[in-house]
Amino acid sequence: MEMDTHTPAGQGLYPHHRCKTLHLVRHAEGFHNVAGKKDYNEYLSYNYLDASLTPLGWDQVDNLRKHVQASGLSKNIELVITSPMTRTIQTAVGVFGGGAYTDAMDVAPLMVANAANSGRPAISSLNCPPFLAVKLCRERWGIHPCDKRRSKR
């Protein structure tokens, strides 16, 4: 295969205006992570079925949200794709959601208050990109209950 020596440096196969930039974010710390670090067998416990974020995980979410906002990155995000796992949805909504929600808003919240017993306030769906939960985005389909998700209900 012969290289095209006439293509300017930095230009790829497709015109830049037709390309999308992907940013991949792993979920913040979940309760299963803490338990599994102490005792690997805890990953087999149904106490961590579709585990949610720990308080430290929420701090990680808050810090990433501040970075995304301060860098201006949030202005260019067109779509947020997440797996349907509780911890990944909490991370995605916490980082890329619309901020604080009040009952006076005319739209439904993106995340309700105290979702998955998080103790967190509701998050607004205003001024944020659309979200899409895709089952195939799951990290793994293993035997650990923490990697199994809750029903849609």
N, C-alpha and C. Protein backbone atom coordinates (compact mmCIF):
# COMPACT_ATOMS: atom_id res chain seq x y z
N MET A 1 0.85 -1.17 0.00
CA MET A 1 0.00 0.00 0.00
C MET A 1 0.89 1.23 0.00
N GLU A 2 0.58 2.16 -0.83
CA GLU A 2 1.40 3.36 -0.98
C GLU A 2 0.77 4.52 -0.21
N MET A 3 1.58 5.27 0.54
CA MET A 3 1.08 6.41 1.29
C MET A 3 0.86 7.60 0.37
N ASP A 4 -0.15 8.37 0.66
CA ASP A 4 -0.44 9.58 -0.09
C ASP A 4 0.44 10.70 0.46
N THR A 5 1.45 11.06 -0.25
CA THR A 5 2.38 12.10 0.21
C THR A 5 1.84 13.50 -0.04
N HIS A 6 0.69 13.60 -0.67
CA HIS A 6 0.11 14.91 -0.97
C HIS A 6 -0.90 15.37 0.08
N THR A 7 -1.22 14.49 1.04
CA THR A 7 -2.17 14.83 2.10
C THR A 7 -1.45 15.63 3.17
N PRO A 8 -1.98 16.81 3.55
CA PRO A 8 -1.34 17.61 4.60
C PRO A 8 -1.27 16.85 5.92
N ALA A 9 -0.23 17.11 6.69
CA ALA A 9 -0.06 16.46 7.99
C ALA A 9 -1.26 16.72 8.88
N GLY A 10 -1.69 15.72 9.62
CA GLY A 10 -2.81 15.86 10.54
C GLY A 10 -4.17 15.62 9.90
N GLN A 11 -4.21 15.46 8.59
CA GLN A 11 -5.49 15.22 7.93
C GLN A 11 -5.66 13.72 7.76
N GLY A 12 -6.83 13.21 8.13
CA GLY A 12 -7.07 11.78 8.06
C GLY A 12 -7.83 11.39 6.81
N LEU A 13 -8.44 10.22 6.89
CA LEU A 13 -9.20 9.70 5.76
C LEU A 13 -10.50 10.45 5.52
N TYR A 14 -11.06 11.01 6.58
CA TYR A 14 -12.34 11.70 6.49
C TYR A 14 -12.16 13.18 6.78
N PRO A 15 -12.97 14.03 6.18
CA PRO A 15 -12.89 15.46 6.50
C PRO A 15 -13.20 15.69 7.98
N HIS A 16 -12.48 16.58 8.61
CA HIS A 16 -12.63 16.84 10.04
C HIS A 16 -14.08 17.15 10.43
N HIS A 17 -14.80 17.88 9.61
CA HIS A 17 -16.17 18.25 9.94
C HIS A 17 -17.12 17.05 9.95
N ARG A 18 -16.68 15.90 9.45
CA ARG A 18 -17.50 14.70 9.45
C ARG A 18 -17.10 13.73 10.55
N CYS A 19 -16.15 14.10 11.37
CA CYS A 19 -15.66 13.23 12.44
C CYS A 19 -16.22 13.65 13.79
N LYS A 20 -16.28 12.71 14.70
CA LYS A 20 -16.72 12.95 16.07
C LYS A 20 -15.59 12.60 17.01
N THR A 21 -15.52 13.28 18.11
CA THR A 21 -14.54 12.99 19.15
C THR A 21 -15.22 12.21 20.25
N LEU A 22 -14.62 11.11 20.66
CA LEU A 22 -15.15 10.30 21.75
C LEU A 22 -14.29 10.50 22.99
N HIS A 23 -14.95 10.68 24.12
CA HIS A 23 -14.28 10.75 25.42
C HIS A 23 -14.82 9.58 26.22
N LEU A 24 -13.96 8.70 26.66
CA LEU A 24 -14.38 7.53 27.42
C LEU A 24 -14.11 7.77 28.89
N VAL A 25 -15.13 7.54 29.71
CA VAL A 25 -15.02 7.76 31.15
C VAL A 25 -15.43 6.49 31.86
N ARG A 26 -14.56 6.02 32.74
CA ARG A 26 -14.90 4.85 33.55
C ARG A 26 -15.72 5.32 34.73
N HIS A 27 -16.58 4.48 35.25
CA HIS A 27 -17.41 4.88 36.39
C HIS A 27 -16.55 5.21 37.59
N ALA A 28 -17.07 6.04 38.46
CA ALA A 28 -16.39 6.39 39.71
C ALA A 28 -16.46 5.20 40.67
N GLU A 29 -15.86 5.35 41.85
CA GLU A 29 -15.78 4.24 42.80
C GLU A 29 -17.17 3.77 43.24
N GLY A 30 -17.38 2.46 43.13
CA GLY A 30 -18.63 1.85 43.58
C GLY A 30 -18.41 1.06 44.85
N PHE A 31 -19.50 0.76 45.53
CA PHE A 31 -19.40 -0.02 46.77
C PHE A 31 -18.75 -1.38 46.54
N HIS A 32 -18.98 -1.97 45.39
CA HIS A 32 -18.37 -3.26 45.07
C HIS A 32 -16.84 -3.14 44.98
N ASN A 33 -16.34 -2.00 44.49
CA ASN A 33 -14.89 -1.79 44.40
C ASN A 33 -14.25 -1.82 45.78
N VAL A 34 -14.87 -1.14 46.73
CA VAL A 34 -14.34 -1.08 48.10
C VAL A 34 -14.33 -2.47 48.73
N ALA A 35 -15.46 -3.17 48.62
CA ALA A 35 -15.57 -4.51 49.21
C ALA A 35 -14.62 -5.48 48.54
N GLY A 36 -14.50 -5.42 47.22
CA GLY A 36 -13.63 -6.33 46.48
C GLY A 36 -12.16 -6.12 46.75
N LYS A 37 -11.77 -4.90 47.08
CA LYS A 37 -10.36 -4.64 47.44
C LYS A 37 -10.01 -5.29 48.77
N LYS A 38 -10.97 -5.31 49.67
CA LYS A 38 -10.74 -5.91 51.00
C LYS A 38 -10.75 -7.43 50.91
N ASP A 39 -11.68 -7.97 50.15
CA ASP A 39 -11.83 -9.42 50.03
C ASP A 39 -12.41 -9.72 48.65
N TYR A 40 -11.61 -10.31 47.78
CA TYR A 40 -12.04 -10.57 46.40
C TYR A 40 -13.33 -11.37 46.33
N ASN A 41 -13.57 -12.23 47.30
CA ASN A 41 -14.79 -13.05 47.31
C ASN A 41 -16.06 -12.22 47.45
N GLU A 42 -15.92 -10.97 47.91
CA GLU A 42 -17.09 -10.09 48.04
C GLU A 42 -17.72 -9.79 46.68
N TYR A 43 -16.93 -9.91 45.61
CA TYR A 43 -17.49 -9.71 44.27
C TYR A 43 -18.58 -10.72 43.96
N LEU A 44 -18.62 -11.82 44.70
CA LEU A 44 -19.65 -12.85 44.50
C LEU A 44 -20.90 -12.59 45.33
N SER A 45 -20.88 -11.55 46.15
CA SER A 45 -21.99 -11.26 47.05
C SER A 45 -23.11 -10.49 46.33
N TYR A 46 -24.33 -10.95 46.55
CA TYR A 46 -25.48 -10.24 45.97
C TYR A 46 -25.79 -8.94 46.71
N ASN A 47 -25.03 -8.63 47.76
CA ASN A 47 -25.15 -7.32 48.42
C ASN A 47 -24.72 -6.20 47.47
N TYR A 48 -23.98 -6.56 46.43
CA TYR A 48 -23.44 -5.56 45.50
C TYR A 48 -24.03 -5.68 44.11
N LEU A 49 -25.23 -6.28 44.03
CA LEU A 49 -25.93 -6.37 42.74
C LEU A 49 -26.07 -4.97 42.15
N ASP A 50 -25.56 -4.79 40.94
CA ASP A 50 -25.65 -3.49 40.25
C ASP A 50 -25.26 -2.36 41.21
N ALA A 51 -24.08 -2.46 41.75
CA ALA A 51 -23.61 -1.55 42.80
C ALA A 51 -23.67 -0.09 42.39
N SER A 52 -23.94 0.75 43.38
CA SER A 52 -23.99 2.20 43.15
C SER A 52 -22.69 2.84 43.64
N LEU A 53 -22.60 4.14 43.51
CA LEU A 53 -21.39 4.88 43.88
C LEU A 53 -21.29 5.09 45.39
N THR A 54 -20.07 5.09 45.87
CA THR A 54 -19.76 5.41 47.27
C THR A 54 -19.71 6.94 47.41
N PRO A 55 -19.66 7.44 48.63
CA PRO A 55 -19.45 8.89 48.80
C PRO A 55 -18.17 9.38 48.11
N LEU A 56 -17.09 8.58 48.17
CA LEU A 56 -15.87 8.96 47.45
C LEU A 56 -16.13 8.97 45.94
N GLY A 57 -16.90 8.02 45.46
CA GLY A 57 -17.26 7.99 44.04
C GLY A 57 -17.98 9.27 43.63
N TRP A 58 -18.90 9.74 44.47
CA TRP A 58 -19.61 10.99 44.17
C TRP A 58 -18.66 12.18 44.21
N ASP A 59 -17.66 12.15 45.11
CA ASP A 59 -16.65 13.21 45.11
C ASP A 59 -15.87 13.19 43.80
N GLN A 60 -15.56 11.99 43.30
CA GLN A 60 -14.86 11.86 42.03
C GLN A 60 -15.71 12.43 40.89
N VAL A 61 -17.00 12.15 40.93
CA VAL A 61 -17.93 12.68 39.93
C VAL A 61 -17.94 14.21 39.99
N ASP A 62 -18.06 14.76 41.18
CA ASP A 62 -18.09 16.22 41.34
C ASP A 62 -16.81 16.86 40.81
N ASN A 63 -15.67 16.24 41.10
CA ASN A 63 -14.39 16.78 40.62
C ASN A 63 -14.28 16.72 39.10
N LEU A 64 -14.72 15.62 38.50
CA LEU A 64 -14.68 15.52 37.04
C LEU A 64 -15.65 16.51 36.42
N ARG A 65 -16.81 16.69 37.02
CA ARG A 65 -17.78 17.67 36.50
C ARG A 65 -17.16 19.07 36.50
N LYS A 66 -16.49 19.44 37.59
CA LYS A 66 -15.83 20.76 37.66
C LYS A 66 -14.80 20.90 36.55
N HIS A 67 -14.01 19.85 36.31
CA HIS A 67 -13.00 19.89 35.26
C HIS A 67 -13.65 20.03 33.87
N VAL A 68 -14.68 19.24 33.62
CA VAL A 68 -15.36 19.28 32.32
C VAL A 68 -15.97 20.67 32.08
N GLN A 69 -16.55 21.26 33.12
CA GLN A 69 -17.14 22.59 33.01
C GLN A 69 -16.05 23.65 32.79
N ALA A 70 -14.99 23.61 33.62
CA ALA A 70 -13.92 24.62 33.55
C ALA A 70 -13.16 24.56 32.23
N SER A 71 -13.01 23.38 31.66
CA SER A 71 -12.25 23.23 30.42
C SER A 71 -13.05 23.66 29.19
N GLY A 72 -14.36 23.82 29.35
CA GLY A 72 -15.21 24.17 28.21
C GLY A 72 -15.66 22.95 27.42
N LEU A 73 -15.20 21.79 27.81
CA LEU A 73 -15.55 20.56 27.11
C LEU A 73 -17.05 20.32 27.08
N SER A 74 -17.73 20.69 28.14
CA SER A 74 -19.17 20.43 28.24
C SER A 74 -19.96 21.13 27.14
N LYS A 75 -19.44 22.20 26.58
CA LYS A 75 -20.15 22.94 25.52
C LYS A 75 -20.16 22.19 24.19
N ASN A 76 -19.27 21.22 24.03
CA ASN A 76 -19.13 20.53 22.75
C ASN A 76 -19.67 19.11 22.74
N ILE A 77 -20.23 18.66 23.85
CA ILE A 77 -20.72 17.28 23.92
C ILE A 77 -22.10 17.19 23.29
N GLU A 78 -22.23 16.30 22.31
CA GLU A 78 -23.48 16.16 21.58
C GLU A 78 -24.35 15.00 22.09
N LEU A 79 -23.72 14.00 22.71
CA LEU A 79 -24.45 12.83 23.16
C LEU A 79 -23.62 12.13 24.24
N VAL A 80 -24.27 11.67 25.29
CA VAL A 80 -23.62 10.88 26.33
C VAL A 80 -24.17 9.46 26.23
N ILE A 81 -23.27 8.51 26.01
CA ILE A 81 -23.65 7.10 25.93
C ILE A 81 -23.08 6.42 27.17
N THR A 82 -23.92 5.67 27.85
CA THR A 82 -23.50 4.99 29.08
C THR A 82 -24.04 3.56 29.08
N SER A 83 -23.45 2.72 29.89
CA SER A 83 -24.04 1.40 30.07
C SER A 83 -25.25 1.58 31.01
N PRO A 84 -26.12 0.60 31.09
CA PRO A 84 -27.31 0.74 31.95
C PRO A 84 -27.05 0.40 33.42
N MET A 85 -25.80 0.24 33.81
CA MET A 85 -25.47 -0.06 35.20
C MET A 85 -25.69 1.19 36.06
N THR A 86 -26.17 1.00 37.27
CA THR A 86 -26.47 2.13 38.16
C THR A 86 -25.27 3.04 38.32
N ARG A 87 -24.10 2.48 38.62
CA ARG A 87 -22.91 3.32 38.87
C ARG A 87 -22.47 4.09 37.63
N THR A 88 -22.68 3.52 36.44
CA THR A 88 -22.27 4.24 35.23
C THR A 88 -23.27 5.35 34.89
N ILE A 89 -24.54 5.08 35.13
CA ILE A 89 -25.54 6.13 34.92
C ILE A 89 -25.34 7.26 35.93
N GLN A 90 -25.07 6.91 37.19
CA GLN A 90 -24.81 7.94 38.19
C GLN A 90 -23.60 8.78 37.80
N THR A 91 -22.53 8.14 37.33
CA THR A 91 -21.34 8.87 36.92
C THR A 91 -21.64 9.77 35.73
N ALA A 92 -22.28 9.23 34.71
CA ALA A 92 -22.57 10.01 33.50
C ALA A 92 -23.47 11.20 33.79
N VAL A 93 -24.54 10.96 34.52
CA VAL A 93 -25.49 12.04 34.83
C VAL A 93 -24.86 13.07 35.76
N GLY A 94 -24.09 12.59 36.74
CA GLY A 94 -23.43 13.52 37.66
C GLY A 94 -22.42 14.41 36.97
N VAL A 95 -21.70 13.88 35.99
CA VAL A 95 -20.68 14.66 35.28
C VAL A 95 -21.29 15.53 34.19
N PHE A 96 -22.18 14.97 33.39
CA PHE A 96 -22.66 15.65 32.19
C PHE A 96 -24.10 16.15 32.27
N GLY A 97 -24.78 15.91 33.41
CA GLY A 97 -26.16 16.36 33.57
C GLY A 97 -26.25 17.87 33.69
N GLY A 98 -27.49 18.35 33.83
CA GLY A 98 -27.74 19.79 33.80
C GLY A 98 -27.57 20.53 35.10
N GLY A 99 -27.12 19.90 36.14
CA GLY A 99 -26.93 20.62 37.41
C GLY A 99 -28.12 20.45 38.32
N ALA A 100 -28.21 21.33 39.30
CA ALA A 100 -29.24 21.23 40.34
C ALA A 100 -30.64 21.31 39.74
N TYR A 101 -31.54 20.52 40.29
CA TYR A 101 -32.94 20.48 39.86
C TYR A 101 -33.82 21.03 40.97
N THR A 102 -34.84 21.76 40.58
CA THR A 102 -35.84 22.22 41.55
C THR A 102 -37.22 21.81 41.06
N ASP A 103 -38.15 21.66 42.00
CA ASP A 103 -39.51 21.26 41.63
C ASP A 103 -40.21 22.31 40.76
N ALA A 104 -39.70 23.52 40.74
CA ALA A 104 -40.32 24.59 39.95
C ALA A 104 -40.03 24.44 38.46
N MET A 105 -39.11 23.57 38.09
CA MET A 105 -38.77 23.38 36.67
C MET A 105 -39.89 22.66 35.95
N ASP A 106 -40.08 23.01 34.68
CA ASP A 106 -41.15 22.42 33.88
C ASP A 106 -40.77 21.11 33.19
N VAL A 107 -39.60 20.59 33.49
CA VAL A 107 -39.15 19.34 32.87
C VAL A 107 -38.84 18.33 33.97
N ALA A 108 -38.87 17.07 33.59
CA ALA A 108 -38.55 16.01 34.55
C ALA A 108 -37.05 16.03 34.84
N PRO A 109 -36.66 15.63 36.04
CA PRO A 109 -35.22 15.57 36.32
C PRO A 109 -34.56 14.44 35.53
N LEU A 110 -33.29 14.59 35.28
CA LEU A 110 -32.51 13.54 34.62
C LEU A 110 -32.26 12.41 35.61
N MET A 111 -32.06 12.77 36.89
CA MET A 111 -31.92 11.80 37.97
C MET A 111 -32.71 12.31 39.16
N VAL A 112 -33.55 11.47 39.74
CA VAL A 112 -34.36 11.87 40.88
C VAL A 112 -33.50 11.98 42.14
N ALA A 113 -33.99 12.69 43.11
CA ALA A 113 -33.28 12.82 44.39
C ALA A 113 -33.14 11.45 45.05
N ASN A 114 -32.01 11.22 45.67
CA ASN A 114 -31.72 10.00 46.41
C ASN A 114 -31.78 8.74 45.53
N ALA A 115 -31.46 8.87 44.26
CA ALA A 115 -31.47 7.71 43.36
C ALA A 115 -30.52 6.64 43.88
N ALA A 116 -30.99 5.42 43.95
CA ALA A 116 -30.21 4.27 44.45
C ALA A 116 -29.65 4.56 45.85
N ASN A 117 -30.46 5.25 46.66
CA ASN A 117 -30.08 5.58 48.04
C ASN A 117 -28.77 6.37 48.12
N SER A 118 -28.56 7.25 47.14
CA SER A 118 -27.30 8.00 47.07
C SER A 118 -27.25 9.17 48.04
N GLY A 119 -28.41 9.65 48.48
CA GLY A 119 -28.45 10.84 49.32
C GLY A 119 -28.17 12.11 48.53
N ARG A 120 -28.12 12.00 47.22
CA ARG A 120 -27.81 13.14 46.36
C ARG A 120 -29.08 13.84 45.90
N PRO A 121 -28.99 15.15 45.66
CA PRO A 121 -30.16 15.87 45.15
C PRO A 121 -30.45 15.47 43.70
N ALA A 122 -31.63 15.81 43.24
CA ALA A 122 -32.01 15.55 41.85
C ALA A 122 -31.12 16.36 40.92
N ILE A 123 -30.94 15.84 39.70
CA ILE A 123 -30.12 16.50 38.68
C ILE A 123 -31.02 16.86 37.52
N SER A 124 -30.91 18.09 37.06
CA SER A 124 -31.75 18.63 36.00
C SER A 124 -31.40 18.05 34.63
N SER A 125 -32.39 18.01 33.76
CA SER A 125 -32.18 17.60 32.38
C SER A 125 -32.03 18.82 31.47
N LEU A 126 -32.06 20.02 32.05
CA LEU A 126 -31.91 21.24 31.25
C LEU A 126 -30.45 21.50 30.90
N ASN A 127 -30.25 22.03 29.71
CA ASN A 127 -28.92 22.45 29.27
C ASN A 127 -27.86 21.35 29.34
N CYS A 128 -28.25 20.16 28.96
CA CYS A 128 -27.28 19.07 28.90
C CYS A 128 -27.56 18.26 27.64
N PRO A 129 -26.59 17.49 27.21
CA PRO A 129 -26.80 16.67 26.01
C PRO A 129 -27.77 15.53 26.29
N PRO A 130 -28.29 14.91 25.25
CA PRO A 130 -29.12 13.73 25.45
C PRO A 130 -28.28 12.56 25.98
N PHE A 131 -28.93 11.64 26.69
CA PHE A 131 -28.28 10.46 27.25
C PHE A 131 -28.88 9.22 26.62
N LEU A 132 -28.04 8.23 26.41
CA LEU A 132 -28.47 6.97 25.84
C LEU A 132 -27.79 5.83 26.60
N ALA A 133 -28.59 4.95 27.21
CA ALA A 133 -28.04 3.79 27.91
C ALA A 133 -28.03 2.62 26.93
N VAL A 134 -26.84 2.04 26.71
CA VAL A 134 -26.67 0.97 25.74
C VAL A 134 -26.12 -0.26 26.45
N LYS A 135 -26.86 -1.33 26.40
CA LYS A 135 -26.50 -2.57 27.10
C LYS A 135 -25.12 -3.08 26.70
N LEU A 136 -24.75 -2.93 25.44
CA LEU A 136 -23.46 -3.44 24.96
C LEU A 136 -22.26 -2.64 25.47
N CYS A 137 -22.51 -1.55 26.15
CA CYS A 137 -21.41 -0.75 26.72
C CYS A 137 -20.95 -1.29 28.07
N ARG A 138 -21.58 -2.33 28.53
CA ARG A 138 -21.18 -2.91 29.83
C ARG A 138 -19.75 -3.42 29.76
N GLU A 139 -19.05 -3.27 30.88
CA GLU A 139 -17.66 -3.68 30.96
C GLU A 139 -17.50 -5.19 30.75
N ARG A 140 -18.36 -5.95 31.39
CA ARG A 140 -18.27 -7.40 31.26
C ARG A 140 -19.62 -8.03 31.61
N TRP A 141 -19.77 -9.24 31.18
CA TRP A 141 -20.97 -10.03 31.47
C TRP A 141 -20.51 -11.26 32.24
N GLY A 142 -20.14 -11.07 33.48
CA GLY A 142 -19.55 -12.16 34.25
C GLY A 142 -20.48 -12.75 35.28
N ILE A 143 -19.86 -13.46 36.19
CA ILE A 143 -20.62 -14.15 37.24
C ILE A 143 -20.83 -13.27 38.47
N HIS A 144 -20.15 -12.12 38.52
CA HIS A 144 -20.25 -11.26 39.69
C HIS A 144 -21.57 -10.48 39.69
N PRO A 145 -22.30 -10.53 40.80
CA PRO A 145 -23.56 -9.80 40.89
C PRO A 145 -23.40 -8.28 40.65
N CYS A 146 -22.24 -7.73 40.99
CA CYS A 146 -22.05 -6.29 40.77
C CYS A 146 -22.07 -5.95 39.28
N ASP A 147 -21.85 -6.94 38.42
CA ASP A 147 -21.86 -6.71 36.97
C ASP A 147 -23.20 -7.07 36.33
N LYS A 148 -24.18 -7.38 37.16
CA LYS A 148 -25.54 -7.63 36.67
C LYS A 148 -26.37 -6.38 37.00
N ARG A 149 -27.29 -6.04 36.12
CA ARG A 149 -28.04 -4.81 36.37
C ARG A 149 -29.43 -5.11 36.91
N ARG A 150 -29.97 -4.07 37.49
CA ARG A 150 -31.35 -4.15 38.00
C ARG A 150 -32.32 -4.20 36.82
N SER A 151 -33.56 -4.55 37.09
CA SER A 151 -34.57 -4.52 36.05
C SER A 151 -34.85 -3.07 35.66
N LYS A 152 -35.46 -2.86 34.54
CA LYS A 152 -35.77 -1.49 34.09
C LYS A 152 -36.70 -0.76 35.03
N ARG A 153 -37.54 -1.51 35.75
CA ARG A 153 -38.45 -0.89 36.70
C ARG A 153 -37.66 -0.06 37.68
